Full PDB file with SEQRES, HELIX, SHEET, SSBOND, CRYST1, ORIGX, SCALE, CONECT and MASTER records, all heavy atoms in Angstrom:
SEQRES   1 A   44  PRO PRO PRO THR MET GLU PRO ARG THR LEU GLY GLN LEU          
SEQRES   2 A   44  VAL SER ASP SER TRP ASP LEU TYR VAL ALA ALA LEU PRO          
SEQRES   3 A   44  GLN VAL ALA ALA VAL VAL ALA TRP GLY ALA VAL PRO ALA          
SEQRES   4 A   44  GLY VAL ILE THR ALA                                          
HELIX    1 AA1 LEU A   10  THR A   43  1                                  34    
CRYST1    1.000    1.000    1.000  90.00  90.00  90.00 P 1           1          
ORIGX1      1.000000  0.000000  0.000000        0.00000                         
ORIGX2      0.000000  1.000000  0.000000        0.00000                         
ORIGX3      0.000000  0.000000  1.000000        0.00000                         
SCALE1      1.000000  0.000000  0.000000        0.00000                         
SCALE2      0.000000  1.000000  0.000000        0.00000                         
SCALE3      0.000000  0.000000  1.000000        0.00000                         
ATOM      1  N   PRO A   1      10.381  -0.033 -13.857  1.00  0.00           N  
ATOM      2  CA  PRO A   1       9.611   1.201 -14.243  1.00  0.00           C  
ATOM      3  C   PRO A   1       8.184   1.070 -13.778  1.00  0.00           C  
ATOM      4  O   PRO A   1       7.516   0.057 -14.110  1.00  0.00           O  
ATOM      5  CB  PRO A   1       9.708   1.173 -15.781  1.00  0.00           C  
ATOM      6  CG  PRO A   1      10.053  -0.228 -16.154  1.00  0.00           C  
ATOM      7  CD  PRO A   1      10.807  -0.809 -15.022  1.00  0.00           C  
ATOM      8  N   PRO A   2       7.695   1.983 -12.944  1.00  0.00           N  
ATOM      9  CA  PRO A   2       6.338   1.864 -12.427  1.00  0.00           C  
ATOM     10  C   PRO A   2       5.320   2.118 -13.529  1.00  0.00           C  
ATOM     11  O   PRO A   2       5.587   2.765 -14.525  1.00  0.00           O  
ATOM     12  CB  PRO A   2       6.291   2.946 -11.349  1.00  0.00           C  
ATOM     13  CG  PRO A   2       7.303   3.976 -11.833  1.00  0.00           C  
ATOM     14  CD  PRO A   2       8.351   3.216 -12.513  1.00  0.00           C  
ATOM     15  N   PRO A   3       4.093   1.609 -13.344  1.00  0.00           N  
ATOM     16  CA  PRO A   3       3.045   1.854 -14.310  1.00  0.00           C  
ATOM     17  C   PRO A   3       2.667   3.313 -14.286  1.00  0.00           C  
ATOM     18  O   PRO A   3       2.674   3.948 -13.270  1.00  0.00           O  
ATOM     19  CB  PRO A   3       1.889   0.931 -13.785  1.00  0.00           C  
ATOM     20  CG  PRO A   3       2.115   0.786 -12.350  1.00  0.00           C  
ATOM     21  CD  PRO A   3       3.644   0.802 -12.176  1.00  0.00           C  
ATOM     22  N   THR A   4       2.278   3.828 -15.456  1.00  0.00           N  
ATOM     23  CA  THR A   4       1.784   5.198 -15.512  1.00  0.00           C  
ATOM     24  C   THR A   4       0.352   5.232 -14.985  1.00  0.00           C  
ATOM     25  O   THR A   4      -0.351   4.238 -14.935  1.00  0.00           O  
ATOM     26  CB  THR A   4       1.833   5.707 -16.956  1.00  0.00           C  
ATOM     27  OG1 THR A   4       1.061   4.871 -17.760  1.00  0.00           O  
ATOM     28  CG2 THR A   4       3.229   5.786 -17.485  1.00  0.00           C  
ATOM     29  N   MET A   5      -0.030   6.455 -14.597  1.00  0.00           N  
ATOM     30  CA  MET A   5      -1.439   6.636 -14.123  1.00  0.00           C  
ATOM     31  C   MET A   5      -2.402   6.471 -15.312  1.00  0.00           C  
ATOM     32  O   MET A   5      -2.180   7.074 -16.357  1.00  0.00           O  
ATOM     33  CB  MET A   5      -1.601   7.969 -13.479  1.00  0.00           C  
ATOM     34  CG  MET A   5      -0.795   8.152 -12.233  1.00  0.00           C  
ATOM     35  SD  MET A   5      -1.224   9.685 -11.370  1.00  0.00           S  
ATOM     36  CE  MET A   5      -0.766  10.924 -12.517  1.00  0.00           C  
ATOM     37  N   GLU A   6      -3.422   5.661 -15.122  1.00  0.00           N  
ATOM     38  CA  GLU A   6      -4.439   5.444 -16.119  1.00  0.00           C  
ATOM     39  C   GLU A   6      -5.822   5.524 -15.464  1.00  0.00           C  
ATOM     40  O   GLU A   6      -5.934   5.100 -14.283  1.00  0.00           O  
ATOM     41  CB  GLU A   6      -4.257   4.131 -16.819  1.00  0.00           C  
ATOM     42  CG  GLU A   6      -2.993   3.988 -17.616  1.00  0.00           C  
ATOM     43  CD  GLU A   6      -2.847   2.619 -18.276  1.00  0.00           C  
ATOM     44  OE1 GLU A   6      -3.752   1.796 -18.054  1.00  0.00           O  
ATOM     45  OE2 GLU A   6      -1.834   2.405 -18.928  1.00  0.00           O  
ATOM     46  N   PRO A   7      -6.830   6.020 -16.186  1.00  0.00           N  
ATOM     47  CA  PRO A   7      -8.149   6.042 -15.620  1.00  0.00           C  
ATOM     48  C   PRO A   7      -8.729   4.661 -15.334  1.00  0.00           C  
ATOM     49  O   PRO A   7      -8.499   3.777 -16.149  1.00  0.00           O  
ATOM     50  CB  PRO A   7      -8.964   6.858 -16.645  1.00  0.00           C  
ATOM     51  CG  PRO A   7      -8.257   6.611 -17.925  1.00  0.00           C  
ATOM     52  CD  PRO A   7      -6.788   6.567 -17.556  1.00  0.00           C  
ATOM     53  N   ARG A   8      -9.438   4.531 -14.277  1.00  0.00           N  
ATOM     54  CA  ARG A   8     -10.045   3.257 -13.948  1.00  0.00           C  
ATOM     55  C   ARG A   8     -11.513   3.567 -13.551  1.00  0.00           C  
ATOM     56  O   ARG A   8     -11.842   4.575 -12.991  1.00  0.00           O  
ATOM     57  CB  ARG A   8      -9.402   2.602 -12.714  1.00  0.00           C  
ATOM     58  CG  ARG A   8      -7.968   2.136 -12.923  1.00  0.00           C  
ATOM     59  CD  ARG A   8      -7.901   0.870 -13.762  1.00  0.00           C  
ATOM     60  NE  ARG A   8      -6.656   0.190 -13.647  1.00  0.00           N  
ATOM     61  CZ  ARG A   8      -5.554   0.511 -14.320  1.00  0.00           C  
ATOM     62  NH1 ARG A   8      -5.614   1.507 -15.235  1.00  0.00           N  
ATOM     63  NH2 ARG A   8      -4.444  -0.142 -14.208  1.00  0.00           N  
ATOM     64  N   THR A   9     -12.372   2.642 -13.896  1.00  0.00           N  
ATOM     65  CA  THR A   9     -13.729   2.679 -13.315  1.00  0.00           C  
ATOM     66  C   THR A   9     -13.691   2.288 -11.851  1.00  0.00           C  
ATOM     67  O   THR A   9     -12.659   1.701 -11.390  1.00  0.00           O  
ATOM     68  CB  THR A   9     -14.683   1.722 -14.088  1.00  0.00           C  
ATOM     69  OG1 THR A   9     -14.242   0.366 -13.891  1.00  0.00           O  
ATOM     70  CG2 THR A   9     -14.689   2.051 -15.573  1.00  0.00           C  
ATOM     71  N   LEU A  10     -14.773   2.498 -11.145  1.00  0.00           N  
ATOM     72  CA  LEU A  10     -14.801   2.131  -9.739  1.00  0.00           C  
ATOM     73  C   LEU A  10     -14.580   0.648  -9.508  1.00  0.00           C  
ATOM     74  O   LEU A  10     -13.811   0.213  -8.659  1.00  0.00           O  
ATOM     75  CB  LEU A  10     -16.123   2.619  -9.100  1.00  0.00           C  
ATOM     76  CG  LEU A  10     -16.285   2.278  -7.601  1.00  0.00           C  
ATOM     77  CD1 LEU A  10     -15.147   2.928  -6.777  1.00  0.00           C  
ATOM     78  CD2 LEU A  10     -17.654   2.752  -7.081  1.00  0.00           C  
ATOM     79  N   GLY A  11     -15.247  -0.126 -10.359  1.00  0.00           N  
ATOM     80  CA  GLY A  11     -15.073  -1.612 -10.242  1.00  0.00           C  
ATOM     81  C   GLY A  11     -13.643  -2.046 -10.490  1.00  0.00           C  
ATOM     82  O   GLY A  11     -13.093  -2.853  -9.754  1.00  0.00           O  
ATOM     83  N   GLN A  12     -13.003  -1.452 -11.522  1.00  0.00           N  
ATOM     84  CA  GLN A  12     -11.615  -1.785 -11.801  1.00  0.00           C  
ATOM     85  C   GLN A  12     -10.735  -1.340 -10.648  1.00  0.00           C  
ATOM     86  O   GLN A  12      -9.806  -2.041 -10.276  1.00  0.00           O  
ATOM     87  CB  GLN A  12     -11.204  -1.134 -13.093  1.00  0.00           C  
ATOM     88  CG  GLN A  12     -11.808  -1.717 -14.336  1.00  0.00           C  
ATOM     89  CD  GLN A  12     -11.494  -0.869 -15.579  1.00  0.00           C  
ATOM     90  OE1 GLN A  12     -11.348   0.347 -15.500  1.00  0.00           O  
ATOM     91  NE2 GLN A  12     -11.375  -1.549 -16.734  1.00  0.00           N  
ATOM     92  N   LEU A  13     -10.965  -0.150 -10.129  1.00  0.00           N  
ATOM     93  CA  LEU A  13     -10.129   0.409  -9.029  1.00  0.00           C  
ATOM     94  C   LEU A  13     -10.142  -0.530  -7.832  1.00  0.00           C  
ATOM     95  O   LEU A  13      -9.140  -0.873  -7.273  1.00  0.00           O  
ATOM     96  CB  LEU A  13     -10.599   1.811  -8.699  1.00  0.00           C  
ATOM     97  CG  LEU A  13      -9.874   2.479  -7.572  1.00  0.00           C  
ATOM     98  CD1 LEU A  13      -8.448   2.849  -8.012  1.00  0.00           C  
ATOM     99  CD2 LEU A  13     -10.619   3.752  -7.068  1.00  0.00           C  
ATOM    100  N   VAL A  14     -11.400  -0.902  -7.440  1.00  0.00           N  
ATOM    101  CA  VAL A  14     -11.502  -1.747  -6.236  1.00  0.00           C  
ATOM    102  C   VAL A  14     -10.889  -3.116  -6.495  1.00  0.00           C  
ATOM    103  O   VAL A  14     -10.088  -3.594  -5.650  1.00  0.00           O  
ATOM    104  CB  VAL A  14     -12.984  -1.894  -5.869  1.00  0.00           C  
ATOM    105  CG1 VAL A  14     -13.162  -2.917  -4.717  1.00  0.00           C  
ATOM    106  CG2 VAL A  14     -13.614  -0.566  -5.417  1.00  0.00           C  
ATOM    107  N   SER A  15     -11.137  -3.712  -7.624  1.00  0.00           N  
ATOM    108  CA  SER A  15     -10.588  -5.032  -7.895  1.00  0.00           C  
ATOM    109  C   SER A  15      -9.066  -4.993  -8.023  1.00  0.00           C  
ATOM    110  O   SER A  15      -8.352  -5.831  -7.410  1.00  0.00           O  
ATOM    111  CB  SER A  15     -11.165  -5.520  -9.254  1.00  0.00           C  
ATOM    112  OG  SER A  15     -10.579  -6.781  -9.597  1.00  0.00           O  
ATOM    113  N   ASP A  16      -8.485  -4.026  -8.785  1.00  0.00           N  
ATOM    114  CA  ASP A  16      -7.051  -3.936  -8.929  1.00  0.00           C  
ATOM    115  C   ASP A  16      -6.366  -3.613  -7.628  1.00  0.00           C  
ATOM    116  O   ASP A  16      -5.322  -4.183  -7.307  1.00  0.00           O  
ATOM    117  CB  ASP A  16      -6.734  -2.841  -9.974  1.00  0.00           C  
ATOM    118  CG  ASP A  16      -7.120  -3.242 -11.376  1.00  0.00           C  
ATOM    119  OD1 ASP A  16      -7.533  -4.414 -11.579  1.00  0.00           O  
ATOM    120  OD2 ASP A  16      -7.061  -2.346 -12.305  1.00  0.00           O  
ATOM    121  N   SER A  17      -6.962  -2.684  -6.853  1.00  0.00           N  
ATOM    122  CA  SER A  17      -6.350  -2.312  -5.563  1.00  0.00           C  
ATOM    123  C   SER A  17      -6.339  -3.526  -4.599  1.00  0.00           C  
ATOM    124  O   SER A  17      -5.338  -3.750  -3.936  1.00  0.00           O  
ATOM    125  CB  SER A  17      -7.138  -1.164  -4.942  1.00  0.00           C  
ATOM    126  OG  SER A  17      -7.052  -0.036  -5.758  1.00  0.00           O  
ATOM    127  N   TRP A  18      -7.410  -4.256  -4.607  1.00  0.00           N  
ATOM    128  CA  TRP A  18      -7.522  -5.428  -3.686  1.00  0.00           C  
ATOM    129  C   TRP A  18      -6.473  -6.449  -4.074  1.00  0.00           C  
ATOM    130  O   TRP A  18      -5.741  -6.938  -3.225  1.00  0.00           O  
ATOM    131  CB  TRP A  18      -8.890  -6.019  -3.803  1.00  0.00           C  
ATOM    132  CG  TRP A  18      -9.044  -7.290  -2.940  1.00  0.00           C  
ATOM    133  CD1 TRP A  18      -8.939  -8.588  -3.385  1.00  0.00           C  
ATOM    134  CD2 TRP A  18      -9.302  -7.350  -1.568  1.00  0.00           C  
ATOM    135  NE1 TRP A  18      -9.146  -9.441  -2.368  1.00  0.00           N  
ATOM    136  CE2 TRP A  18      -9.362  -8.732  -1.208  1.00  0.00           C  
ATOM    137  CE3 TRP A  18      -9.482  -6.409  -0.540  1.00  0.00           C  
ATOM    138  CZ2 TRP A  18      -9.566  -9.151   0.093  1.00  0.00           C  
ATOM    139  CZ3 TRP A  18      -9.730  -6.852   0.747  1.00  0.00           C  
ATOM    140  CH2 TRP A  18      -9.759  -8.177   1.070  1.00  0.00           C  
ATOM    141  N   ASP A  19      -6.360  -6.752  -5.346  1.00  0.00           N  
ATOM    142  CA  ASP A  19      -5.403  -7.774  -5.791  1.00  0.00           C  
ATOM    143  C   ASP A  19      -3.954  -7.333  -5.469  1.00  0.00           C  
ATOM    144  O   ASP A  19      -3.137  -8.138  -5.006  1.00  0.00           O  
ATOM    145  CB  ASP A  19      -5.539  -7.997  -7.309  1.00  0.00           C  
ATOM    146  CG  ASP A  19      -6.852  -8.720  -7.682  1.00  0.00           C  
ATOM    147  OD1 ASP A  19      -7.449  -9.278  -6.784  1.00  0.00           O  
ATOM    148  OD2 ASP A  19      -7.252  -8.633  -8.831  1.00  0.00           O  
ATOM    149  N   LEU A  20      -3.647  -6.035  -5.757  1.00  0.00           N  
ATOM    150  CA  LEU A  20      -2.313  -5.547  -5.525  1.00  0.00           C  
ATOM    151  C   LEU A  20      -1.952  -5.569  -4.057  1.00  0.00           C  
ATOM    152  O   LEU A  20      -0.874  -5.978  -3.678  1.00  0.00           O  
ATOM    153  CB  LEU A  20      -2.153  -4.116  -6.079  1.00  0.00           C  
ATOM    154  CG  LEU A  20      -1.833  -4.016  -7.557  1.00  0.00           C  
ATOM    155  CD1 LEU A  20      -1.828  -2.552  -8.007  1.00  0.00           C  
ATOM    156  CD2 LEU A  20      -0.436  -4.648  -7.863  1.00  0.00           C  
ATOM    157  N   TYR A  21      -2.831  -5.065  -3.222  1.00  0.00           N  
ATOM    158  CA  TYR A  21      -2.470  -4.937  -1.800  1.00  0.00           C  
ATOM    159  C   TYR A  21      -2.491  -6.270  -1.128  1.00  0.00           C  
ATOM    160  O   TYR A  21      -1.719  -6.515  -0.159  1.00  0.00           O  
ATOM    161  CB  TYR A  21      -3.478  -3.950  -1.121  1.00  0.00           C  
ATOM    162  CG  TYR A  21      -3.005  -2.545  -1.291  1.00  0.00           C  
ATOM    163  CD1 TYR A  21      -3.452  -1.715  -2.321  1.00  0.00           C  
ATOM    164  CD2 TYR A  21      -2.067  -1.930  -0.432  1.00  0.00           C  
ATOM    165  CE1 TYR A  21      -3.028  -0.455  -2.511  1.00  0.00           C  
ATOM    166  CE2 TYR A  21      -1.611  -0.660  -0.609  1.00  0.00           C  
ATOM    167  CZ  TYR A  21      -2.108   0.102  -1.685  1.00  0.00           C  
ATOM    168  OH  TYR A  21      -1.657   1.355  -1.830  1.00  0.00           O  
ATOM    169  N   VAL A  22      -3.324  -7.206  -1.538  1.00  0.00           N  
ATOM    170  CA  VAL A  22      -3.277  -8.549  -0.983  1.00  0.00           C  
ATOM    171  C   VAL A  22      -1.924  -9.221  -1.342  1.00  0.00           C  
ATOM    172  O   VAL A  22      -1.243  -9.801  -0.494  1.00  0.00           O  
ATOM    173  CB  VAL A  22      -4.434  -9.411  -1.467  1.00  0.00           C  
ATOM    174  CG1 VAL A  22      -4.202 -10.894  -1.150  1.00  0.00           C  
ATOM    175  CG2 VAL A  22      -5.749  -8.907  -0.800  1.00  0.00           C  
ATOM    176  N   ALA A  23      -1.519  -9.079  -2.607  1.00  0.00           N  
ATOM    177  CA  ALA A  23      -0.289  -9.658  -3.069  1.00  0.00           C  
ATOM    178  C   ALA A  23       0.928  -9.031  -2.372  1.00  0.00           C  
ATOM    179  O   ALA A  23       1.919  -9.675  -2.095  1.00  0.00           O  
ATOM    180  CB  ALA A  23      -0.149  -9.541  -4.550  1.00  0.00           C  
ATOM    181  N   ALA A  24       0.867  -7.715  -2.149  1.00  0.00           N  
ATOM    182  CA  ALA A  24       2.007  -6.966  -1.582  1.00  0.00           C  
ATOM    183  C   ALA A  24       1.902  -6.743  -0.107  1.00  0.00           C  
ATOM    184  O   ALA A  24       2.729  -6.010   0.470  1.00  0.00           O  
ATOM    185  CB  ALA A  24       2.131  -5.597  -2.344  1.00  0.00           C  
ATOM    186  N   LEU A  25       0.899  -7.332   0.582  1.00  0.00           N  
ATOM    187  CA  LEU A  25       0.634  -7.058   1.971  1.00  0.00           C  
ATOM    188  C   LEU A  25       1.871  -7.245   2.904  1.00  0.00           C  
ATOM    189  O   LEU A  25       2.144  -6.386   3.703  1.00  0.00           O  
ATOM    190  CB  LEU A  25      -0.538  -7.860   2.496  1.00  0.00           C  
ATOM    191  CG  LEU A  25      -0.957  -7.580   3.910  1.00  0.00           C  
ATOM    192  CD1 LEU A  25      -1.360  -6.094   4.075  1.00  0.00           C  
ATOM    193  CD2 LEU A  25      -2.155  -8.459   4.294  1.00  0.00           C  
ATOM    194  N   PRO A  26       2.631  -8.352   2.773  1.00  0.00           N  
ATOM    195  CA  PRO A  26       3.796  -8.499   3.647  1.00  0.00           C  
ATOM    196  C   PRO A  26       4.810  -7.392   3.461  1.00  0.00           C  
ATOM    197  O   PRO A  26       5.351  -6.825   4.469  1.00  0.00           O  
ATOM    198  CB  PRO A  26       4.393  -9.872   3.239  1.00  0.00           C  
ATOM    199  CG  PRO A  26       3.243 -10.616   2.620  1.00  0.00           C  
ATOM    200  CD  PRO A  26       2.442  -9.582   1.939  1.00  0.00           C  
ATOM    201  N   GLN A  27       5.102  -7.025   2.200  1.00  0.00           N  
ATOM    202  CA  GLN A  27       6.036  -5.925   1.950  1.00  0.00           C  
ATOM    203  C   GLN A  27       5.498  -4.589   2.417  1.00  0.00           C  
ATOM    204  O   GLN A  27       6.249  -3.792   3.002  1.00  0.00           O  
ATOM    205  CB  GLN A  27       6.388  -5.885   0.461  1.00  0.00           C  
ATOM    206  CG  GLN A  27       7.215  -7.040  -0.065  1.00  0.00           C  
ATOM    207  CD  GLN A  27       6.380  -8.197  -0.505  1.00  0.00           C  
ATOM    208  OE1 GLN A  27       5.164  -8.212  -0.335  1.00  0.00           O  
ATOM    209  NE2 GLN A  27       7.021  -9.177  -1.091  1.00  0.00           N  
ATOM    210  N   VAL A  28       4.198  -4.341   2.165  1.00  0.00           N  
ATOM    211  CA  VAL A  28       3.605  -3.105   2.620  1.00  0.00           C  
ATOM    212  C   VAL A  28       3.655  -2.975   4.116  1.00  0.00           C  
ATOM    213  O   VAL A  28       4.031  -1.906   4.698  1.00  0.00           O  
ATOM    214  CB  VAL A  28       2.139  -2.985   2.115  1.00  0.00           C  
ATOM    215  CG1 VAL A  28       1.419  -1.793   2.802  1.00  0.00           C  
ATOM    216  CG2 VAL A  28       2.134  -2.765   0.618  1.00  0.00           C  
ATOM    217  N   ALA A  29       3.306  -4.035   4.824  1.00  0.00           N  
ATOM    218  CA  ALA A  29       3.317  -4.010   6.297  1.00  0.00           C  
ATOM    219  C   ALA A  29       4.732  -3.770   6.832  1.00  0.00           C  
ATOM    220  O   ALA A  29       4.937  -2.976   7.765  1.00  0.00           O  
ATOM    221  CB  ALA A  29       2.781  -5.337   6.831  1.00  0.00           C  
ATOM    222  N   ALA A  30       5.739  -4.395   6.223  1.00  0.00           N  
ATOM    223  CA  ALA A  30       7.107  -4.208   6.679  1.00  0.00           C  
ATOM    224  C   ALA A  30       7.575  -2.800   6.435  1.00  0.00           C  
ATOM    225  O   ALA A  30       8.176  -2.152   7.296  1.00  0.00           O  
ATOM    226  CB  ALA A  30       8.021  -5.195   5.963  1.00  0.00           C  
ATOM    227  N   VAL A  31       7.288  -2.260   5.242  1.00  0.00           N  
ATOM    228  CA  VAL A  31       7.713  -0.886   4.898  1.00  0.00           C  
ATOM    229  C   VAL A  31       7.081   0.112   5.830  1.00  0.00           C  
ATOM    230  O   VAL A  31       7.740   1.042   6.325  1.00  0.00           O  
ATOM    231  CB  VAL A  31       7.386  -0.610   3.413  1.00  0.00           C  
ATOM    232  CG1 VAL A  31       7.427   0.868   3.138  1.00  0.00           C  
ATOM    233  CG2 VAL A  31       8.360  -1.324   2.497  1.00  0.00           C  
ATOM    234  N   VAL A  32       5.742   0.001   6.018  1.00  0.00           N  
ATOM    235  CA  VAL A  32       5.027   0.918   6.911  1.00  0.00           C  
ATOM    236  C   VAL A  32       5.563   0.835   8.315  1.00  0.00           C  
ATOM    237  O   VAL A  32       5.748   1.865   9.004  1.00  0.00           O  
ATOM    238  CB  VAL A  32       3.519   0.664   6.843  1.00  0.00           C  
ATOM    239  CG1 VAL A  32       2.825   1.495   7.939  1.00  0.00           C  
ATOM    240  CG2 VAL A  32       2.990   1.027   5.483  1.00  0.00           C  
ATOM    241  N   ALA A  33       5.853  -0.375   8.789  1.00  0.00           N  
ATOM    242  CA  ALA A  33       6.352  -0.548  10.148  1.00  0.00           C  
ATOM    243  C   ALA A  33       7.679   0.136  10.375  1.00  0.00           C  
ATOM    244  O   ALA A  33       7.928   0.722  11.443  1.00  0.00           O  
ATOM    245  CB  ALA A  33       6.508  -2.068  10.464  1.00  0.00           C  
ATOM    246  N   TRP A  34       8.555   0.197   9.345  1.00  0.00           N  
ATOM    247  CA  TRP A  34       9.866   0.803   9.495  1.00  0.00           C  
ATOM    248  C   TRP A  34       9.716   2.335   9.762  1.00  0.00           C  
ATOM    249  O   TRP A  34      10.604   2.940  10.368  1.00  0.00           O  
ATOM    250  CB  TRP A  34      10.721   0.632   8.242  1.00  0.00           C  
ATOM    251  CG  TRP A  34      11.469  -0.632   8.286  1.00  0.00           C  
ATOM    252  CD1 TRP A  34      11.100  -1.807   7.567  1.00  0.00           C  
ATOM    253  CD2 TRP A  34      12.694  -0.974   8.925  1.00  0.00           C  
ATOM    254  NE1 TRP A  34      12.048  -2.792   7.805  1.00  0.00           N  
ATOM    255  CE2 TRP A  34      13.031  -2.297   8.650  1.00  0.00           C  
ATOM    256  CE3 TRP A  34      13.484  -0.199   9.783  1.00  0.00           C  
ATOM    257  CZ2 TRP A  34      14.171  -2.872   9.227  1.00  0.00           C  
ATOM    258  CZ3 TRP A  34      14.625  -0.798  10.309  1.00  0.00           C  
ATOM    259  CH2 TRP A  34      14.958  -2.134  10.013  1.00  0.00           C  
ATOM    260  N   GLY A  35       8.616   2.925   9.350  1.00  0.00           N  
ATOM    261  CA  GLY A  35       8.412   4.350   9.647  1.00  0.00           C  
ATOM    262  C   GLY A  35       7.439   4.564  10.795  1.00  0.00           C  
ATOM    263  O   GLY A  35       7.615   5.426  11.625  1.00  0.00           O  
ATOM    264  N   ALA A  36       6.371   3.737  10.823  1.00  0.00           N  
ATOM    265  CA  ALA A  36       5.312   3.944  11.842  1.00  0.00           C  
ATOM    266  C   ALA A  36       5.767   3.555  13.249  1.00  0.00           C  
ATOM    267  O   ALA A  36       5.386   4.259  14.252  1.00  0.00           O  
ATOM    268  CB  ALA A  36       4.053   3.160  11.455  1.00  0.00           C  
ATOM    269  N   VAL A  37       6.535   2.506  13.394  1.00  0.00           N  
ATOM    270  CA  VAL A  37       6.936   2.093  14.744  1.00  0.00           C  
ATOM    271  C   VAL A  37       7.843   3.119  15.374  1.00  0.00           C  
ATOM    272  O   VAL A  37       7.624   3.565  16.530  1.00  0.00           O  
ATOM    273  CB  VAL A  37       7.594   0.721  14.687  1.00  0.00           C  
ATOM    274  CG1 VAL A  37       8.251   0.372  16.031  1.00  0.00           C  
ATOM    275  CG2 VAL A  37       6.599  -0.357  14.321  1.00  0.00           C  
ATOM    276  N   PRO A  38       8.915   3.601  14.703  1.00  0.00           N  
ATOM    277  CA  PRO A  38       9.721   4.690  15.316  1.00  0.00           C  
ATOM    278  C   PRO A  38       8.871   5.962  15.554  1.00  0.00           C  
ATOM    279  O   PRO A  38       9.100   6.614  16.585  1.00  0.00           O  
ATOM    280  CB  PRO A  38      10.807   4.995  14.243  1.00  0.00           C  
ATOM    281  CG  PRO A  38      10.919   3.732  13.477  1.00  0.00           C  
ATOM    282  CD  PRO A  38       9.508   3.142  13.448  1.00  0.00           C  
ATOM    283  N   ALA A  39       7.929   6.254  14.678  1.00  0.00           N  
ATOM    284  CA  ALA A  39       7.069   7.390  14.895  1.00  0.00           C  
ATOM    285  C   ALA A  39       6.264   7.237  16.181  1.00  0.00           C  
ATOM    286  O   ALA A  39       6.142   8.202  16.982  1.00  0.00           O  
ATOM    287  CB  ALA A  39       6.138   7.601  13.721  1.00  0.00           C  
ATOM    288  N   GLY A  40       5.744   6.063  16.402  1.00  0.00           N  
ATOM    289  CA  GLY A  40       4.975   5.789  17.607  1.00  0.00           C  
ATOM    290  C   GLY A  40       5.848   5.851  18.878  1.00  0.00           C  
ATOM    291  O   GLY A  40       5.408   6.414  19.892  1.00  0.00           O  
ATOM    292  N   VAL A  41       7.079   5.362  18.769  1.00  0.00           N  
ATOM    293  CA  VAL A  41       7.988   5.392  19.933  1.00  0.00           C  
ATOM    294  C   VAL A  41       8.342   6.856  20.229  1.00  0.00           C  
ATOM    295  O   VAL A  41       8.353   7.306  21.430  1.00  0.00           O  
ATOM    296  CB  VAL A  41       9.251   4.636  19.628  1.00  0.00           C  
ATOM    297  CG1 VAL A  41      10.317   4.850  20.692  1.00  0.00           C  
ATOM    298  CG2 VAL A  41       8.936   3.132  19.525  1.00  0.00           C  
ATOM    299  N   ILE A  42       8.595   7.671  19.210  1.00  0.00           N  
ATOM    300  CA  ILE A  42       8.958   9.073  19.445  1.00  0.00           C  
ATOM    301  C   ILE A  42       7.757   9.841  20.044  1.00  0.00           C  
ATOM    302  O   ILE A  42       7.942  10.643  20.924  1.00  0.00           O  
ATOM    303  CB  ILE A  42       9.417   9.705  18.118  1.00  0.00           C  
ATOM    304  CG1 ILE A  42      10.750   9.128  17.685  1.00  0.00           C  
ATOM    305  CG2 ILE A  42       9.497  11.225  18.230  1.00  0.00           C  
ATOM    306  CD1 ILE A  42      11.197   9.555  16.311  1.00  0.00           C  
ATOM    307  N   THR A  43       6.561   9.546  19.562  1.00  0.00           N  
ATOM    308  CA  THR A  43       5.368  10.219  20.117  1.00  0.00           C  
ATOM    309  C   THR A  43       5.162   9.877  21.573  1.00  0.00           C  
ATOM    310  O   THR A  43       4.897  10.725  22.381  1.00  0.00           O  
ATOM    311  CB  THR A  43       4.128   9.776  19.331  1.00  0.00           C  
ATOM    312  OG1 THR A  43       4.323  10.159  17.939  1.00  0.00           O  
ATOM    313  CG2 THR A  43       2.886  10.419  19.890  1.00  0.00           C  
ATOM    314  N   ALA A  44       5.325   8.565  21.903  1.00  0.00           N  
ATOM    315  CA  ALA A  44       5.207   8.145  23.322  1.00  0.00           C  
ATOM    316  C   ALA A  44       6.308   8.787  24.180  1.00  0.00           C  
ATOM    317  O   ALA A  44       6.092   9.226  25.316  1.00  0.00           O  
ATOM    318  CB  ALA A  44       5.283   6.661  23.416  1.00  0.00           C  
TER     319      ALA A  44                                                      
MASTER        0    0    0    1    0    0    0    6  318    1    0    4          
END                                                                             
């Protein structure tokens, strides 16, 4: 179950986002590549 949206201060937002994306970077990169690479090939 994903977390619900909650208000964050700017400092919390930057810190939480950095921690999450650094931790999830390999998965994020792989997921984005599955869509972005075919999109680039089709555009070319």
